[in-house]
């Protein structure tokens, strides 16, 4: 599953838009005060984490987009 497929699956599962951010695919405006996220890191890995009170807190690093998407899916469903 890639980021676009993950977004579609989360929408189909009824997960509220404000619960997550997927870099380049789903970036809610205005930014919610806290949410789970998926993003690419500067070194090319993928990261899932929680944004709380203005701070990103990584939960896990992943070698590829598919693994990161699977992890965010598990966190949100």
N, C-alpha and C. Protein backbone atom coordinates (compact mmCIF):
# COMPACT_ATOMS: atom_id res chain seq x y z
N UNK A 1 0.85 -1.18 0.00
CA UNK A 1 0.00 0.00 0.00
C UNK A 1 0.89 1.24 0.00
N UNK A 2 0.61 2.20 -0.87
CA UNK A 2 1.34 3.46 -0.85
C UNK A 2 0.51 4.52 -0.13
N UNK A 3 1.01 5.75 -0.06
CA UNK A 3 0.33 6.81 0.69
C UNK A 3 -1.05 7.14 0.14
N UNK A 4 -1.20 7.12 -1.17
CA UNK A 4 -2.50 7.44 -1.77
C UNK A 4 -3.52 6.34 -1.46
N UNK A 5 -3.08 5.10 -1.53
CA UNK A 5 -3.97 3.98 -1.20
C UNK A 5 -4.33 3.99 0.28
N UNK A 6 -3.37 4.35 1.12
CA UNK A 6 -3.63 4.45 2.55
C UNK A 6 -4.69 5.52 2.83
N UNK A 7 -4.56 6.66 2.20
CA UNK A 7 -5.56 7.74 2.39
C UNK A 7 -6.95 7.25 2.00
N UNK A 8 -7.05 6.58 0.87
CA UNK A 8 -8.35 6.07 0.41
C UNK A 8 -8.90 5.04 1.39
N UNK A 9 -8.04 4.16 1.90
CA UNK A 9 -8.48 3.12 2.83
C UNK A 9 -8.94 3.73 4.15
N UNK A 10 -8.22 4.74 4.64
CA UNK A 10 -8.62 5.39 5.89
C UNK A 10 -9.95 6.11 5.74
N UNK A 11 -10.14 6.75 4.59
CA UNK A 11 -11.42 7.41 4.32
C UNK A 11 -12.54 6.39 4.29
N UNK A 12 -12.32 5.28 3.58
CA UNK A 12 -13.34 4.22 3.49
C UNK A 12 -13.65 3.62 4.86
N UNK A 13 -12.65 3.57 5.74
CA UNK A 13 -12.84 3.01 7.08
C UNK A 13 -13.49 4.00 8.04
N UNK A 14 -13.69 5.24 7.58
CA UNK A 14 -14.35 6.24 8.42
C UNK A 14 -13.46 6.93 9.43
N UNK A 15 -12.14 6.86 9.24
CA UNK A 15 -11.22 7.54 10.15
C UNK A 15 -11.31 9.05 9.88
N UNK A 16 -11.53 9.82 10.91
CA UNK A 16 -11.70 11.27 10.77
C UNK A 16 -10.43 11.93 10.20
N UNK A 17 -10.63 12.90 9.31
CA UNK A 17 -9.51 13.59 8.66
C UNK A 17 -8.53 14.23 9.63
N UNK A 18 -9.00 14.72 10.76
CA UNK A 18 -8.12 15.40 11.71
C UNK A 18 -7.27 14.49 12.56
N UNK A 19 -7.43 13.19 12.42
CA UNK A 19 -6.67 12.25 13.24
C UNK A 19 -5.28 11.95 12.68
N UNK A 20 -5.02 12.34 11.44
CA UNK A 20 -3.75 11.96 10.81
C UNK A 20 -3.32 12.95 9.74
N UNK A 21 -2.03 12.89 9.41
CA UNK A 21 -1.42 13.67 8.33
C UNK A 21 -0.52 12.74 7.56
N UNK A 22 -0.66 12.73 6.25
CA UNK A 22 0.19 11.93 5.37
C UNK A 22 0.89 12.91 4.45
N UNK A 23 2.19 13.02 4.61
CA UNK A 23 2.97 13.99 3.85
C UNK A 23 2.70 13.91 2.35
N UNK A 24 2.35 15.05 1.77
CA UNK A 24 2.13 15.13 0.34
C UNK A 24 0.81 14.59 -0.15
N UNK A 25 0.01 14.01 0.74
CA UNK A 25 -1.26 13.39 0.33
C UNK A 25 -2.44 13.96 1.12
N UNK A 26 -2.29 14.03 2.41
CA UNK A 26 -3.38 14.53 3.27
C UNK A 26 -2.77 15.40 4.36
N UNK A 27 -2.94 16.71 4.21
CA UNK A 27 -2.41 17.66 5.17
C UNK A 27 -3.53 18.60 5.59
N UNK A 28 -4.27 18.23 6.66
CA UNK A 28 -5.45 19.00 7.06
C UNK A 28 -5.14 20.46 7.39
N UNK A 29 -6.05 21.34 6.98
CA UNK A 29 -5.95 22.77 7.28
C UNK A 29 -7.27 23.19 7.90
N UNK A 30 -7.24 23.86 9.03
CA UNK A 30 -6.07 24.18 9.83
C UNK A 30 -5.47 22.93 10.46
N UNK A 31 -4.22 23.05 10.85
CA UNK A 31 -3.53 21.92 11.47
C UNK A 31 -4.17 21.60 12.82
N UNK A 32 -4.57 20.33 13.01
CA UNK A 32 -5.14 19.94 14.30
C UNK A 32 -4.09 20.05 15.41
N UNK A 33 -4.52 20.17 16.67
CA UNK A 33 -3.56 20.29 17.78
C UNK A 33 -2.73 19.03 18.00
N UNK A 34 -3.28 17.87 17.67
CA UNK A 34 -2.51 16.63 17.76
C UNK A 34 -3.08 15.63 16.76
N UNK A 35 -2.17 14.80 16.22
CA UNK A 35 -2.53 13.82 15.20
C UNK A 35 -1.37 12.85 15.00
N UNK A 36 -1.65 11.73 14.35
CA UNK A 36 -0.61 10.80 13.94
C UNK A 36 -0.14 11.20 12.55
N UNK A 37 1.12 10.93 12.24
CA UNK A 37 1.63 11.34 10.94
C UNK A 37 2.50 10.26 10.30
N UNK A 38 2.67 10.43 8.99
CA UNK A 38 3.58 9.61 8.19
C UNK A 38 4.35 10.59 7.32
N UNK A 39 5.69 10.49 7.35
CA UNK A 39 6.50 11.40 6.54
C UNK A 39 7.82 10.75 6.18
N UNK A 40 8.44 11.31 5.16
CA UNK A 40 9.76 10.87 4.74
C UNK A 40 10.79 11.70 5.49
N UNK A 41 11.85 11.05 5.95
CA UNK A 41 12.89 11.75 6.69
C UNK A 41 13.98 12.24 5.73
N UNK A 42 14.85 13.09 6.23
CA UNK A 42 15.91 13.67 5.41
C UNK A 42 16.86 12.61 4.84
N UNK A 43 17.00 11.49 5.53
CA UNK A 43 17.90 10.43 5.05
C UNK A 43 17.21 9.41 4.15
N UNK A 44 15.94 9.67 3.80
CA UNK A 44 15.22 8.80 2.86
C UNK A 44 14.41 7.69 3.49
N UNK A 45 14.47 7.54 4.81
CA UNK A 45 13.65 6.54 5.49
C UNK A 45 12.23 7.11 5.64
N UNK A 46 11.33 6.33 6.19
CA UNK A 46 9.97 6.77 6.46
C UNK A 46 9.74 6.72 7.96
N UNK A 47 8.93 7.63 8.45
CA UNK A 47 8.69 7.74 9.89
C UNK A 47 7.19 7.86 10.16
N UNK A 48 6.74 7.16 11.17
CA UNK A 48 5.40 7.36 11.71
C UNK A 48 5.58 7.94 13.10
N UNK A 49 4.65 8.81 13.49
CA UNK A 49 4.79 9.41 14.80
C UNK A 49 3.53 10.14 15.21
N UNK A 50 3.65 10.84 16.31
CA UNK A 50 2.55 11.62 16.87
C UNK A 50 2.98 13.07 16.98
N UNK A 51 2.12 13.97 16.55
CA UNK A 51 2.33 15.40 16.70
C UNK A 51 1.47 15.84 17.87
N UNK A 52 2.13 16.38 18.90
CA UNK A 52 1.41 16.81 20.10
C UNK A 52 2.00 18.12 20.60
N UNK A 53 1.13 19.09 20.82
CA UNK A 53 1.54 20.38 21.39
C UNK A 53 2.71 21.01 20.63
N UNK A 54 2.65 20.94 19.31
CA UNK A 54 3.67 21.57 18.48
C UNK A 54 4.95 20.80 18.30
N UNK A 55 5.00 19.55 18.74
CA UNK A 55 6.21 18.76 18.65
C UNK A 55 5.93 17.42 17.98
N UNK A 56 6.78 17.07 17.02
CA UNK A 56 6.69 15.75 16.38
C UNK A 56 7.46 14.74 17.24
N UNK A 57 6.79 13.66 17.57
CA UNK A 57 7.41 12.60 18.38
C UNK A 57 7.38 11.31 17.58
N UNK A 58 8.54 10.91 17.03
CA UNK A 58 8.60 9.69 16.23
C UNK A 58 8.21 8.46 17.06
N UNK A 59 7.44 7.58 16.43
CA UNK A 59 7.10 6.29 17.04
C UNK A 59 7.97 5.20 16.44
N UNK A 60 8.12 5.22 15.10
CA UNK A 60 8.91 4.18 14.44
C UNK A 60 9.49 4.71 13.12
N UNK A 61 10.63 4.14 12.73
CA UNK A 61 11.23 4.39 11.42
C UNK A 61 11.03 3.15 10.57
N UNK A 62 10.87 3.37 9.28
CA UNK A 62 10.58 2.27 8.36
C UNK A 62 11.49 2.36 7.14
N UNK A 63 11.89 1.22 6.59
CA UNK A 63 12.79 1.24 5.44
C UNK A 63 12.11 1.66 4.14
N UNK A 64 10.79 1.54 4.08
CA UNK A 64 10.09 1.89 2.84
C UNK A 64 8.68 2.41 3.14
N UNK A 65 8.09 2.99 2.09
CA UNK A 65 6.76 3.59 2.20
C UNK A 65 5.70 2.55 2.57
N UNK A 66 5.79 1.37 2.01
CA UNK A 66 4.80 0.32 2.28
C UNK A 66 4.76 -0.05 3.76
N UNK A 67 5.91 -0.22 4.37
CA UNK A 67 5.96 -0.57 5.80
C UNK A 67 5.42 0.57 6.66
N UNK A 68 5.74 1.81 6.29
CA UNK A 68 5.25 2.96 7.05
C UNK A 68 3.73 3.08 6.93
N UNK A 69 3.20 2.86 5.74
CA UNK A 69 1.75 2.92 5.54
C UNK A 69 1.05 1.84 6.35
N UNK A 70 1.61 0.64 6.35
CA UNK A 70 1.01 -0.46 7.11
C UNK A 70 0.99 -0.13 8.59
N UNK A 71 2.05 0.51 9.08
CA UNK A 71 2.10 0.86 10.50
C UNK A 71 1.07 1.93 10.84
N UNK A 72 0.96 2.98 10.03
CA UNK A 72 -0.03 4.01 10.30
C UNK A 72 -1.44 3.44 10.24
N UNK A 73 -1.68 2.54 9.31
CA UNK A 73 -2.99 1.87 9.21
C UNK A 73 -3.32 1.16 10.53
N UNK A 74 -2.35 0.41 11.05
CA UNK A 74 -2.57 -0.32 12.31
C UNK A 74 -2.81 0.64 13.48
N UNK A 75 -2.11 1.77 13.48
CA UNK A 75 -2.30 2.74 14.56
C UNK A 75 -3.68 3.38 14.54
N UNK A 76 -4.23 3.55 13.35
CA UNK A 76 -5.50 4.29 13.23
C UNK A 76 -6.74 3.42 13.14
N UNK A 77 -6.59 2.11 12.93
CA UNK A 77 -7.78 1.27 12.79
C UNK A 77 -7.80 0.18 13.85
